[in-house]
Amino acid sequence: MNNVRINGIILITIGIATMYFLEDEKFDILSGIILGLGLGLTITGRYRKRKKF
């Protein structure tokens, strides 16, 4: 497992934790953004797109 996927899994756990521990509408939006970013990083496994030649 590379570092990008590990960071994605960490972001997913932080997003789930903020959803359960912080009960406010602002934090729900923030946890959704963090969850989406973590899911994207976990699936793709890289930060940038590949260069096309």
N, C-alpha and C. Protein backbone atom coordinates (compact mmCIF):
# COMPACT_ATOMS: atom_id res chain seq x y z
N MET A 1 0.84 -1.17 0.00
CA MET A 1 0.00 0.00 0.00
C MET A 1 0.90 1.24 0.00
N ASN A 2 0.58 2.18 -0.86
CA ASN A 2 1.41 3.38 -0.91
C ASN A 2 0.90 4.45 0.06
N ASN A 3 1.68 5.50 0.19
CA ASN A 3 1.36 6.55 1.17
C ASN A 3 0.08 7.29 0.84
N VAL A 4 -0.25 7.43 -0.43
CA VAL A 4 -1.46 8.15 -0.82
C VAL A 4 -2.69 7.40 -0.34
N ARG A 5 -2.70 6.09 -0.50
CA ARG A 5 -3.85 5.31 -0.04
C ARG A 5 -3.96 5.28 1.47
N ILE A 6 -2.83 5.26 2.15
CA ILE A 6 -2.86 5.32 3.61
C ILE A 6 -3.42 6.66 4.07
N ASN A 7 -3.02 7.76 3.41
CA ASN A 7 -3.59 9.08 3.72
C ASN A 7 -5.09 9.11 3.45
N GLY A 8 -5.53 8.45 2.39
CA GLY A 8 -6.96 8.39 2.09
C GLY A 8 -7.74 7.65 3.16
N ILE A 9 -7.19 6.56 3.66
CA ILE A 9 -7.87 5.81 4.72
C ILE A 9 -7.92 6.62 6.01
N ILE A 10 -6.84 7.36 6.28
CA ILE A 10 -6.83 8.22 7.47
C ILE A 10 -7.88 9.32 7.34
N LEU A 11 -8.00 9.91 6.15
CA LEU A 11 -9.02 10.95 5.94
C LEU A 11 -10.43 10.38 6.07
N ILE A 12 -10.65 9.15 5.63
CA ILE A 12 -11.96 8.53 5.78
C ILE A 12 -12.30 8.35 7.26
N THR A 13 -11.35 7.88 8.05
CA THR A 13 -11.62 7.70 9.47
C THR A 13 -11.83 9.03 10.19
N ILE A 14 -11.10 10.07 9.80
CA ILE A 14 -11.31 11.39 10.40
C ILE A 14 -12.69 11.92 10.03
N GLY A 15 -13.11 11.72 8.77
CA GLY A 15 -14.43 12.17 8.34
C GLY A 15 -15.55 11.47 9.06
N ILE A 16 -15.42 10.17 9.28
CA ILE A 16 -16.44 9.43 10.02
C ILE A 16 -16.47 9.86 11.48
N ALA A 17 -15.29 10.09 12.05
CA ALA A 17 -15.23 10.51 13.46
C ALA A 17 -15.86 11.88 13.65
N THR A 18 -15.62 12.82 12.72
CA THR A 18 -16.23 14.14 12.87
C THR A 18 -17.74 14.08 12.68
N MET A 19 -18.21 13.14 11.88
CA MET A 19 -19.65 13.01 11.68
C MET A 19 -20.33 12.54 12.96
N TYR A 20 -19.69 11.66 13.70
CA TYR A 20 -20.31 11.11 14.90
C TYR A 20 -20.08 11.96 16.15
N PHE A 21 -18.91 12.59 16.27
CA PHE A 21 -18.60 13.29 17.51
C PHE A 21 -19.02 14.75 17.52
N LEU A 22 -19.09 15.38 16.36
CA LEU A 22 -19.45 16.79 16.30
C LEU A 22 -20.83 16.92 15.66
N GLU A 23 -21.79 17.36 16.45
CA GLU A 23 -23.18 17.44 15.99
C GLU A 23 -23.52 18.88 15.59
N ASP A 24 -23.12 19.27 14.40
CA ASP A 24 -23.43 20.59 13.88
C ASP A 24 -23.46 20.51 12.37
N GLU A 25 -24.26 21.36 11.75
CA GLU A 25 -24.42 21.32 10.30
C GLU A 25 -23.14 21.69 9.57
N LYS A 26 -22.37 22.61 10.13
CA LYS A 26 -21.11 23.00 9.51
C LYS A 26 -20.13 21.84 9.47
N PHE A 27 -20.10 21.07 10.53
CA PHE A 27 -19.16 19.95 10.59
C PHE A 27 -19.64 18.78 9.74
N ASP A 28 -20.93 18.68 9.49
CA ASP A 28 -21.42 17.64 8.58
C ASP A 28 -20.93 17.90 7.15
N ILE A 29 -20.95 19.14 6.73
CA ILE A 29 -20.45 19.49 5.40
C ILE A 29 -18.95 19.24 5.32
N LEU A 30 -18.23 19.62 6.37
CA LEU A 30 -16.78 19.40 6.41
C LEU A 30 -16.45 17.92 6.40
N SER A 31 -17.19 17.12 7.15
CA SER A 31 -16.92 15.68 7.17
C SER A 31 -17.25 15.04 5.83
N GLY A 32 -18.25 15.54 5.13
CA GLY A 32 -18.56 15.04 3.79
C GLY A 32 -17.45 15.33 2.80
N ILE A 33 -16.88 16.53 2.89
CA ILE A 33 -15.76 16.88 2.01
C ILE A 33 -14.55 16.01 2.32
N ILE A 34 -14.27 15.81 3.61
CA ILE A 34 -13.12 14.99 4.00
C ILE A 34 -13.33 13.54 3.56
N LEU A 35 -14.55 13.03 3.73
CA LEU A 35 -14.85 11.66 3.29
C LEU A 35 -14.69 11.50 1.78
N GLY A 36 -15.17 12.46 1.02
CA GLY A 36 -15.04 12.40 -0.43
C GLY A 36 -13.59 12.45 -0.89
N LEU A 37 -12.81 13.31 -0.26
CA LEU A 37 -11.39 13.39 -0.59
C LEU A 37 -10.67 12.10 -0.23
N GLY A 38 -10.97 11.55 0.93
CA GLY A 38 -10.33 10.30 1.35
C GLY A 38 -10.72 9.14 0.46
N LEU A 39 -11.97 9.10 0.05
CA LEU A 39 -12.42 8.03 -0.84
C LEU A 39 -11.75 8.14 -2.20
N GLY A 40 -11.63 9.36 -2.71
CA GLY A 40 -10.96 9.56 -3.99
C GLY A 40 -9.49 9.17 -3.95
N LEU A 41 -8.82 9.53 -2.88
CA LEU A 41 -7.40 9.18 -2.75
C LEU A 41 -7.22 7.68 -2.58
N THR A 42 -8.13 7.05 -1.87
CA THR A 42 -8.01 5.61 -1.65
C THR A 42 -8.23 4.83 -2.94
N ILE A 43 -9.16 5.27 -3.75
CA ILE A 43 -9.45 4.55 -5.00
C ILE A 43 -8.36 4.79 -6.04
N THR A 44 -7.98 6.05 -6.24
CA THR A 44 -7.03 6.33 -7.31
C THR A 44 -5.60 5.98 -6.92
N GLY A 45 -5.18 6.31 -5.72
CA GLY A 45 -3.83 6.00 -5.27
C GLY A 45 -2.78 6.96 -5.75
N ARG A 46 -3.18 8.12 -6.25
CA ARG A 46 -2.20 9.12 -6.67
C ARG A 46 -2.82 10.51 -6.54
N TYR A 47 -1.95 11.52 -6.51
CA TYR A 47 -2.39 12.89 -6.34
C TYR A 47 -2.68 13.59 -7.67
N ARG A 48 -1.90 13.30 -8.69
CA ARG A 48 -2.04 14.00 -9.97
C ARG A 48 -2.48 13.03 -11.06
N LYS A 49 -2.96 13.64 -12.13
CA LYS A 49 -3.28 12.84 -13.32
C LYS A 49 -1.99 12.50 -14.04
N ARG A 50 -2.05 11.46 -14.83
CA ARG A 50 -0.87 11.09 -15.63
C ARG A 50 -0.72 12.05 -16.80
N LYS A 51 0.52 12.26 -17.17
CA LYS A 51 0.79 13.13 -18.31
C LYS A 51 0.56 12.33 -19.60
N LYS A 52 -0.13 12.94 -20.53
CA LYS A 52 -0.35 12.30 -21.82
C LYS A 52 0.63 12.83 -22.83
N PHE A 53 1.27 11.94 -23.54
CA PHE A 53 2.24 12.33 -24.57
C PHE A 53 1.71 12.06 -25.93
